[in-house]
PDB file of N, CA and C in Angstrom:
ATOM      1  N   MET A   1     -15.195 -19.385   4.295  1.00  0.00           N
ATOM      2  CA  MET A   1     -13.923 -18.729   4.509  1.00  0.00           C
ATOM      3  C   MET A   1     -13.413 -19.140   5.899  1.00  0.00           C
ATOM      4  N   PRO A   2     -12.144 -19.539   5.970  1.00  0.00           N
ATOM      5  CA  PRO A   2     -11.584 -19.932   7.267  1.00  0.00           C
ATOM      6  C   PRO A   2     -11.576 -18.766   8.269  1.00  0.00           C
ATOM      7  N   ALA A   3     -11.862 -19.085   9.514  1.00  0.00           N
ATOM      8  CA  ALA A   3     -11.896 -18.060  10.565  1.00  0.00           C
ATOM      9  C   ALA A   3     -10.559 -17.332  10.687  1.00  0.00           C
ATOM     10  N   ARG A   4      -9.466 -18.060  10.525  1.00  0.00           N
ATOM     11  CA  ARG A   4      -8.145 -17.412  10.638  1.00  0.00           C
ATOM     12  C   ARG A   4      -7.921 -16.419   9.506  1.00  0.00           C
ATOM     13  N   GLU A   5      -8.503 -16.696   8.359  1.00  0.00           N
ATOM     14  CA  GLU A   5      -8.381 -15.770   7.233  1.00  0.00           C
ATOM     15  C   GLU A   5      -9.166 -14.485   7.519  1.00  0.00           C
ATOM     16  N   ILE A   6     -10.321 -14.625   8.126  1.00  0.00           N
ATOM     17  CA  ILE A   6     -11.098 -13.447   8.525  1.00  0.00           C
ATOM     18  C   ILE A   6     -10.312 -12.640   9.554  1.00  0.00           C
ATOM     19  N   LEU A   7      -9.751 -13.327  10.541  1.00  0.00           N
ATOM     20  CA  LEU A   7      -8.931 -12.651  11.541  1.00  0.00           C
ATOM     21  C   LEU A   7      -7.755 -11.938  10.880  1.00  0.00           C
ATOM     22  N   ALA A   8      -7.097 -12.596   9.952  1.00  0.00           N
ATOM     23  CA  ALA A   8      -5.961 -11.987   9.256  1.00  0.00           C
ATOM     24  C   ALA A   8      -6.392 -10.731   8.514  1.00  0.00           C
ATOM     25  N   ASP A   9      -7.553 -10.781   7.856  1.00  0.00           N
ATOM     26  CA  ASP A   9      -8.065  -9.601   7.147  1.00  0.00           C
ATOM     27  C   ASP A   9      -8.277  -8.433   8.118  1.00  0.00           C
ATOM     28  N   ILE A  10      -8.838  -8.735   9.275  1.00  0.00           N
ATOM     29  CA  ILE A  10      -9.085  -7.691  10.279  1.00  0.00           C
ATOM     30  C   ILE A  10      -7.763  -7.121  10.783  1.00  0.00           C
ATOM     31  N   LEU A  11      -6.814  -7.999  11.077  1.00  0.00           N
ATOM     32  CA  LEU A  11      -5.506  -7.545  11.549  1.00  0.00           C
ATOM     33  C   LEU A  11      -4.813  -6.682  10.498  1.00  0.00           C
ATOM     34  N   LEU A  12      -4.929  -7.059   9.242  1.00  0.00           N
ATOM     35  CA  LEU A  12      -4.314  -6.277   8.169  1.00  0.00           C
ATOM     36  C   LEU A  12      -4.959  -4.897   8.073  1.00  0.00           C
ATOM     37  N   GLU A  13      -6.278  -4.846   8.211  1.00  0.00           N
ATOM     38  CA  GLU A  13      -6.976  -3.553   8.196  1.00  0.00           C
ATOM     39  C   GLU A  13      -6.531  -2.662   9.352  1.00  0.00           C
ATOM     40  N   GLN A  14      -6.131  -3.271  10.457  1.00  0.00           N
ATOM     41  CA  GLN A  14      -5.671  -2.526  11.633  1.00  0.00           C
ATOM     42  C   GLN A  14      -4.168  -2.254  11.605  1.00  0.00           C
ATOM     43  N   ASN A  15      -3.546  -2.526  10.469  1.00  0.00           N
ATOM     44  CA  ASN A  15      -2.098  -2.334  10.290  1.00  0.00           C
ATOM     45  C   ASN A  15      -1.263  -3.185  11.253  1.00  0.00           C
ATOM     46  N   ARG A  16      -1.792  -4.310  11.662  1.00  0.00           N
ATOM     47  CA  ARG A  16      -1.050  -5.266  12.489  1.00  0.00           C
ATOM     48  C   ARG A  16      -0.514  -6.337  11.544  1.00  0.00           C
ATOM     49  N   THR A  17       0.407  -5.889  10.683  1.00  0.00           N
ATOM     50  CA  THR A  17       0.819  -6.687   9.538  1.00  0.00           C
ATOM     51  C   THR A  17       1.523  -7.991   9.905  1.00  0.00           C
ATOM     52  N   GLU A  18       2.381  -7.964  10.891  1.00  0.00           N
ATOM     53  CA  GLU A  18       3.093  -9.193  11.250  1.00  0.00           C
ATOM     54  C   GLU A  18       2.133 -10.236  11.801  1.00  0.00           C
ATOM     55  N   GLU A  19       1.178  -9.802  12.600  1.00  0.00           N
ATOM     56  CA  GLU A  19       0.174 -10.734  13.127  1.00  0.00           C
ATOM     57  C   GLU A  19      -0.703 -11.266  11.998  1.00  0.00           C
ATOM     58  N   ALA A  20      -1.062 -10.377  11.076  1.00  0.00           N
ATOM     59  CA  ALA A  20      -1.870 -10.795   9.923  1.00  0.00           C
ATOM     60  C   ALA A  20      -1.127 -11.841   9.106  1.00  0.00           C
ATOM     61  N   LEU A  21       0.153 -11.590   8.857  1.00  0.00           N
ATOM     62  CA  LEU A  21       0.947 -12.532   8.082  1.00  0.00           C
ATOM     63  C   LEU A  21       0.992 -13.898   8.761  1.00  0.00           C
ATOM     64  N   THR A  22       1.142 -13.919  10.070  1.00  0.00           N
ATOM     65  CA  THR A  22       1.151 -15.185  10.818  1.00  0.00           C
ATOM     66  C   THR A  22      -0.156 -15.950  10.600  1.00  0.00           C
ATOM     67  N   GLU A  23      -1.274 -15.237  10.631  1.00  0.00           N
ATOM     68  CA  GLU A  23      -2.581 -15.891  10.444  1.00  0.00           C
ATOM     69  C   GLU A  23      -2.767 -16.385   9.010  1.00  0.00           C
ATOM     70  N   TYR A  24      -2.363 -15.570   8.030  1.00  0.00           N
ATOM     71  CA  TYR A  24      -2.456 -16.024   6.628  1.00  0.00           C
ATOM     72  C   TYR A  24      -1.592 -17.271   6.420  1.00  0.00           C
ATOM     73  N   GLU A  25      -0.410 -17.273   6.999  1.00  0.00           N
ATOM     74  CA  GLU A  25       0.473 -18.433   6.858  1.00  0.00           C
ATOM     75  C   GLU A  25      -0.146 -19.676   7.494  1.00  0.00           C
ATOM     76  N   ALA A  26      -0.856 -19.507   8.597  1.00  0.00           N
ATOM     77  CA  ALA A  26      -1.533 -20.649   9.226  1.00  0.00           C
ATOM     78  C   ALA A  26      -2.609 -21.212   8.298  1.00  0.00           C
ATOM     79  N   VAL A  27      -3.334 -20.334   7.626  1.00  0.00           N
ATOM     80  CA  VAL A  27      -4.343 -20.783   6.656  1.00  0.00           C
ATOM     81  C   VAL A  27      -3.656 -21.538   5.522  1.00  0.00           C
ATOM     82  N   LEU A  28      -2.552 -21.001   5.044  1.00  0.00           N
ATOM     83  CA  LEU A  28      -1.856 -21.614   3.912  1.00  0.00           C
ATOM     84  C   LEU A  28      -1.226 -22.957   4.263  1.00  0.00           C
ATOM     85  N   GLN A  29      -0.978 -23.210   5.532  1.00  0.00           N
ATOM     86  CA  GLN A  29      -0.485 -24.525   5.943  1.00  0.00           C
ATOM     87  C   GLN A  29      -1.517 -25.606   5.644  1.00  0.00           C
ATOM     88  N   LYS A  30      -2.789 -25.268   5.829  1.00  0.00           N
ATOM     89  CA  LYS A  30      -3.868 -26.234   5.596  1.00  0.00           C
ATOM     90  C   LYS A  30      -4.386 -26.181   4.171  1.00  0.00           C
ATOM     91  N   GLU A  31      -4.399 -24.988   3.595  1.00  0.00           N
ATOM     92  CA  GLU A  31      -4.947 -24.792   2.256  1.00  0.00           C
ATOM     93  C   GLU A  31      -3.976 -23.945   1.429  1.00  0.00           C
ATOM     94  N   PRO A  32      -2.904 -24.558   0.926  1.00  0.00           N
ATOM     95  CA  PRO A  32      -1.830 -23.802   0.283  1.00  0.00           C
ATOM     96  C   PRO A  32      -2.194 -23.116  -1.036  1.00  0.00           C
ATOM     97  N   THR A  33      -3.370 -23.366  -1.551  1.00  0.00           N
ATOM     98  CA  THR A  33      -3.739 -22.747  -2.824  1.00  0.00           C
ATOM     99  C   THR A  33      -4.886 -21.737  -2.685  1.00  0.00           C
ATOM    100  N   ARG A  34      -5.205 -21.326  -1.473  1.00  0.00           N
ATOM    101  CA  ARG A  34      -6.290 -20.351  -1.291  1.00  0.00           C
ATOM    102  C   ARG A  34      -5.885 -18.981  -1.814  1.00  0.00           C
ATOM    103  N   TYR A  35      -6.608 -18.519  -2.827  1.00  0.00           N
ATOM    104  CA  TYR A  35      -6.304 -17.237  -3.461  1.00  0.00           C
ATOM    105  C   TYR A  35      -6.254 -16.119  -2.431  1.00  0.00           C
ATOM    106  N   ARG A  36      -7.308 -16.000  -1.643  1.00  0.00           N
ATOM    107  CA  ARG A  36      -7.410 -14.880  -0.700  1.00  0.00           C
ATOM    108  C   ARG A  36      -6.279 -14.896   0.330  1.00  0.00           C
ATOM    109  N   ALA A  37      -5.912 -16.074   0.811  1.00  0.00           N
ATOM    110  CA  ALA A  37      -4.836 -16.164   1.797  1.00  0.00           C
ATOM    111  C   ALA A  37      -3.485 -15.830   1.165  1.00  0.00           C
ATOM    112  N   LEU A  38      -3.261 -16.277  -0.070  1.00  0.00           N
ATOM    113  CA  LEU A  38      -2.010 -15.934  -0.753  1.00  0.00           C
ATOM    114  C   LEU A  38      -1.917 -14.439  -1.025  1.00  0.00           C
ATOM    115  N   ALA A  39      -3.004 -13.848  -1.510  1.00  0.00           N
ATOM    116  CA  ALA A  39      -3.004 -12.410  -1.778  1.00  0.00           C
ATOM    117  C   ALA A  39      -2.838 -11.623  -0.486  1.00  0.00           C
ATOM    118  N   GLY A  40      -3.516 -12.056   0.569  1.00  0.00           N
ATOM    119  CA  GLY A  40      -3.400 -11.384   1.864  1.00  0.00           C
ATOM    120  C   GLY A  40      -2.003 -11.507   2.437  1.00  0.00           C
ATOM    121  N   ALA A  41      -1.407 -12.691   2.316  1.00  0.00           N
ATOM    122  CA  ALA A  41      -0.045 -12.897   2.811  1.00  0.00           C
ATOM    123  C   ALA A  41       0.936 -12.019   2.049  1.00  0.00           C
ATOM    124  N   ALA A  42       0.737 -11.901   0.750  1.00  0.00           N
ATOM    125  CA  ALA A  42       1.611 -11.039  -0.050  1.00  0.00           C
ATOM    126  C   ALA A  42       1.499  -9.590   0.414  1.00  0.00           C
ATOM    127  N   GLN A  43       0.271  -9.136   0.629  1.00  0.00           N
ATOM    128  CA  GLN A  43       0.061  -7.749   1.063  1.00  0.00           C
ATOM    129  C   GLN A  43       0.614  -7.521   2.470  1.00  0.00           C
ATOM    130  N   ALA A  44       0.357  -8.455   3.377  1.00  0.00           N
ATOM    131  CA  ALA A  44       0.847  -8.310   4.747  1.00  0.00           C
ATOM    132  C   ALA A  44       2.369  -8.310   4.785  1.00  0.00           C
ATOM    133  N   ALA A  45       2.970  -9.198   4.008  1.00  0.00           N
ATOM    134  CA  ALA A  45       4.438  -9.253   3.967  1.00  0.00           C
ATOM    135  C   ALA A  45       5.008  -7.947   3.420  1.00  0.00           C
ATOM    136  N   GLN A  46       4.399  -7.439   2.365  1.00  0.00           N
ATOM    137  CA  GLN A  46       4.884  -6.177   1.792  1.00  0.00           C
ATOM    138  C   GLN A  46       4.750  -5.047   2.806  1.00  0.00           C
ATOM    139  N   ASP A  47       3.606  -4.964   3.457  1.00  0.00           N
ATOM    140  CA  ASP A  47       3.366  -3.906   4.440  1.00  0.00           C
ATOM    141  C   ASP A  47       4.310  -4.025   5.640  1.00  0.00           C
ATOM    142  N   ALA A  48       4.734  -5.257   5.942  1.00  0.00           N
ATOM    143  CA  ALA A  48       5.650  -5.481   7.062  1.00  0.00           C
ATOM    144  C   ALA A  48       7.112  -5.281   6.651  1.00  0.00           C
ATOM    145  N   GLY A  49       7.330  -4.952   5.385  1.00  0.00           N
ATOM    146  CA  GLY A  49       8.687  -4.721   4.898  1.00  0.00           C
ATOM    147  C   GLY A  49       9.424  -5.987   4.503  1.00  0.00           C
ATOM    148  N   GLU A  50       8.710  -7.095   4.425  1.00  0.00           N
ATOM    149  CA  GLU A  50       9.310  -8.371   4.035  1.00  0.00           C
ATOM    150  C   GLU A  50       9.107  -8.559   2.527  1.00  0.00           C
ATOM    151  N   ILE A  51       9.879  -7.806   1.760  1.00  0.00           N
ATOM    152  CA  ILE A  51       9.684  -7.720   0.317  1.00  0.00           C
ATOM    153  C   ILE A  51       9.887  -9.059  -0.381  1.00  0.00           C
ATOM    154  N   GLU A  52      10.894  -9.810   0.004  1.00  0.00           N
ATOM    155  CA  GLU A  52      11.140 -11.113  -0.637  1.00  0.00           C
ATOM    156  C   GLU A  52       9.986 -12.077  -0.369  1.00  0.00           C
ATOM    157  N   ALA A  53       9.469 -12.071   0.846  1.00  0.00           N
ATOM    158  CA  ALA A  53       8.328 -12.941   1.160  1.00  0.00           C
ATOM    159  C   ALA A  53       7.102 -12.510   0.360  1.00  0.00           C
ATOM    160  N   ALA A  54       6.890 -11.203   0.258  1.00  0.00           N
ATOM    161  CA  ALA A  54       5.762 -10.689  -0.522  1.00  0.00           C
ATOM    162  C   ALA A  54       5.871 -11.143  -1.969  1.00  0.00           C
ATOM    163  N   ARG A  55       7.063 -11.032  -2.524  1.00  0.00           N
ATOM    164  CA  ARG A  55       7.276 -11.450  -3.909  1.00  0.00           C
ATOM    165  C   ARG A  55       7.034 -12.950  -4.069  1.00  0.00           C
ATOM    166  N   ALA A  56       7.495 -13.746  -3.108  1.00  0.00           N
ATOM    167  CA  ALA A  56       7.310 -15.198  -3.191  1.00  0.00           C
ATOM    168  C   ALA A  56       5.823 -15.571  -3.162  1.00  0.00           C
ATOM    169  N   TYR A  57       5.064 -14.948  -2.272  1.00  0.00           N
ATOM    170  CA  TYR A  57       3.623 -15.220  -2.227  1.00  0.00           C
ATOM    171  C   TYR A  57       2.945 -14.777  -3.521  1.00  0.00           C
ATOM    172  N   ALA A  58       3.334 -13.614  -4.028  1.00  0.00           N
ATOM    173  CA  ALA A  58       2.748 -13.105  -5.268  1.00  0.00           C
ATOM    174  C   ALA A  58       3.064 -14.041  -6.437  1.00  0.00           C
ATOM    175  N   GLU A  59       4.302 -14.487  -6.523  1.00  0.00           N
ATOM    176  CA  GLU A  59       4.690 -15.388  -7.608  1.00  0.00           C
ATOM    177  C   GLU A  59       3.955 -16.721  -7.513  1.00  0.00           C
ATOM    178  N   HIS A  60       3.771 -17.216  -6.294  1.00  0.00           N
ATOM    179  CA  HIS A  60       3.015 -18.460  -6.087  1.00  0.00           C
ATOM    180  C   HIS A  60       1.581 -18.291  -6.588  1.00  0.00           C
ATOM    181  N   LEU A  61       0.969 -17.173  -6.264  1.00  0.00           N
ATOM    182  CA  LEU A  61      -0.406 -16.925  -6.684  1.00  0.00           C
ATOM    183  C   LEU A  61      -0.500 -16.795  -8.195  1.00  0.00           C
ATOM    184  N   ILE A  62       0.439 -16.084  -8.796  1.00  0.00           N
ATOM    185  CA  ILE A  62       0.431 -15.923 -10.248  1.00  0.00           C
ATOM    186  C   ILE A  62       0.601 -17.276 -10.942  1.00  0.00           C
ATOM    187  N   ALA A  63       1.480 -18.109 -10.429  1.00  0.00           N
ATOM    188  CA  ALA A  63       1.667 -19.436 -11.003  1.00  0.00           C
ATOM    189  C   ALA A  63       0.396 -20.268 -10.872  1.00  0.00           C
ATOM    190  N   GLN A  64      -0.298 -20.102  -9.780  1.00  0.00           N
ATOM    191  CA  GLN A  64      -1.530 -20.848  -9.537  1.00  0.00           C
ATOM    192  C   GLN A  64      -2.641 -20.405 -10.482  1.00  0.00           C
ATOM    193  N   VAL A  65      -2.795 -19.098 -10.661  1.00  0.00           N
ATOM    194  CA  VAL A  65      -3.886 -18.573 -11.488  1.00  0.00           C
ATOM    195  C   VAL A  65      -3.585 -18.776 -12.971  1.00  0.00           C
ATOM    196  N   GLY A  66      -2.324 -18.630 -13.344  1.00  0.00           N
ATOM    197  CA  GLY A  66      -1.928 -18.853 -14.729  1.00  0.00           C
ATOM    198  C   GLY A  66      -2.205 -17.667 -15.633  1.00  0.00           C
ATOM    199  N   ALA A  67      -2.108 -17.917 -16.909  1.00  0.00           N
ATOM    200  CA  ALA A  67      -2.217 -16.864 -17.916  1.00  0.00           C
ATOM    201  C   ALA A  67      -3.612 -16.240 -17.968  1.00  0.00           C
ATOM    202  N   ALA A  68      -4.606 -16.960 -17.484  1.00  0.00           N
ATOM    203  CA  ALA A  68      -5.972 -16.436 -17.530  1.00  0.00           C
ATOM    204  C   ALA A  68      -6.133 -15.198 -16.665  1.00  0.00           C
ATOM    205  N   GLY A  69      -5.318 -15.090 -15.622  1.00  0.00           N
ATOM    206  CA  GLY A  69      -5.418 -13.940 -14.728  1.00  0.00           C
ATOM    207  C   GLY A  69      -6.664 -14.012 -13.880  1.00  0.00           C
ATOM    208  N   SER A  70      -7.030 -12.883 -13.341  1.00  0.00           N
ATOM    209  CA  SER A  70      -8.180 -12.818 -12.451  1.00  0.00           C
ATOM    210  C   SER A  70      -8.803 -11.437 -12.549  1.00  0.00           C
ATOM    211  N   GLU A  71     -10.082 -11.380 -12.268  1.00  0.00           N
ATOM    212  CA  GLU A  71     -10.778 -10.094 -12.239  1.00  0.00           C
ATOM    213  C   GLU A  71     -10.880  -9.540 -10.824  1.00  0.00           C
ATOM    214  N   ARG A  72     -10.309 -10.234  -9.866  1.00  0.00           N
ATOM    215  CA  ARG A  72     -10.368  -9.769  -8.475  1.00  0.00           C
ATOM    216  C   ARG A  72      -9.555  -8.491  -8.327  1.00  0.00           C
ATOM    217  N   PRO A  73      -9.983  -7.600  -7.455  1.00  0.00           N
ATOM    218  CA  PRO A  73      -9.287  -6.318  -7.270  1.00  0.00           C
ATOM    219  C   PRO A  73      -7.827  -6.464  -6.854  1.00  0.00           C
ATOM    220  N   THR A  74      -7.491  -7.542  -6.193  1.00  0.00           N
ATOM    221  CA  THR A  74      -6.123  -7.728  -5.716  1.00  0.00           C
ATOM    222  C   THR A  74      -5.165  -8.188  -6.808  1.00  0.00           C
ATOM    223  N   TRP A  75      -5.676  -8.622  -7.941  1.00  0.00           N
ATOM    224  CA  TRP A  75      -4.843  -9.231  -8.965  1.00  0.00           C
ATOM    225  C   TRP A  75      -3.734  -8.301  -9.467  1.00  0.00           C
ATOM    226  N   GLU A  76      -4.070  -7.075  -9.839  1.00  0.00           N
ATOM    227  CA  GLU A  76      -3.057  -6.155 -10.355  1.00  0.00           C
ATOM    228  C   GLU A  76      -2.033  -5.787  -9.279  1.00  0.00           C
ATOM    229  N   VAL A  77      -2.474  -5.684  -8.039  1.00  0.00           N
ATOM    230  CA  VAL A  77      -1.542  -5.398  -6.941  1.00  0.00           C
ATOM    231  C   VAL A  77      -0.548  -6.539  -6.803  1.00  0.00           C
ATOM    232  N   VAL A  78      -1.043  -7.777  -6.837  1.00  0.00           N
ATOM    233  CA  VAL A  78      -0.186  -8.957  -6.712  1.00  0.00           C
ATOM    234  C   VAL A  78       0.785  -9.026  -7.887  1.00  0.00           C
ATOM    235  N   ARG A  79       0.305  -8.754  -9.088  1.00  0.00           N
ATOM    236  CA  ARG A  79       1.194  -8.764 -10.255  1.00  0.00           C
ATOM    237  C   ARG A  79       2.294  -7.723 -10.100  1.00  0.00           C
ATOM    238  N   GLY A  80       1.959  -6.573  -9.544  1.00  0.00           N
ATOM    239  CA  GLY A  80       2.965  -5.535  -9.305  1.00  0.00           C
ATOM    240  C   GLY A  80       4.024  -5.983  -8.318  1.00  0.00           C
ATOM    241  N   MET A  81       3.608  -6.700  -7.288  1.00  0.00           N
ATOM    242  CA  MET A  81       4.554  -7.202  -6.290  1.00  0.00           C
ATOM    243  C   MET A  81       5.552  -8.169  -6.907  1.00  0.00           C
ATOM    244  N   ALA A  82       5.045  -8.972  -7.846  1.00  0.00           N
ATOM    245  CA  ALA A  82       5.890  -9.973  -8.476  1.00  0.00           C
ATOM    246  C   ALA A  82       6.700  -9.382  -9.628  1.00  0.00           C
ATOM    247  N   GLY A  83       6.413  -8.137  -9.975  1.00  0.00           N
ATOM    248  CA  GLY A  83       7.131  -7.505 -11.069  1.00  0.00           C
ATOM    249  C   GLY A  83       6.643  -7.930 -12.443  1.00  0.00           C
ATOM    250  N   THR A  84       5.379  -8.387 -12.528  1.00  0.00           N
ATOM    251  CA  THR A  84       4.848  -8.830 -13.805  1.00  0.00           C
ATOM    252  C   THR A  84       3.713  -7.957 -14.320  1.00  0.00           C
ATOM    253  N   GLY A  85       3.479  -6.847 -13.672  1.00  0.00           N
ATOM    254  CA  GLY A  85       2.418  -5.967 -14.131  1.00  0.00           C
ATOM    255  C   GLY A  85       2.339  -4.732 -13.280  1.00  0.00           C
ATOM    256  N   PRO A  86       1.369  -3.886 -13.570  1.00  0.00           N
ATOM    257  CA  PRO A  86       1.226  -2.641 -12.798  1.00  0.00           C
ATOM    258  C   PRO A  86       0.874  -2.913 -11.357  1.00  0.00           C
ATOM    259  N   GLU A  87       1.291  -2.049 -10.471  1.00  0.00           N
ATOM    260  CA  GLU A  87       1.010  -2.187  -9.039  1.00  0.00           C
ATOM    261  C   GLU A  87      -0.160  -1.325  -8.665  1.00  0.00           C
TER     262      GLU A  87
END
């Protein structure tokens, strides 16, 4: 797991959402398909009130995972952000 992603997770837990989003975005610059970074960016953006950005990250993740979905705990939350399932 990238160190910046760990930092972003910690920042998100501390409700430092804008800083967390910056770190998730840095991870996504190098690894644009990382599930955890996309889900984290979606959550951080939503928590920071950046609803359109949250939706864009969620939609990107859903497109990446496809119809198979995921069993990860964040999956239903992400689907809710994108308007494709329960939140």
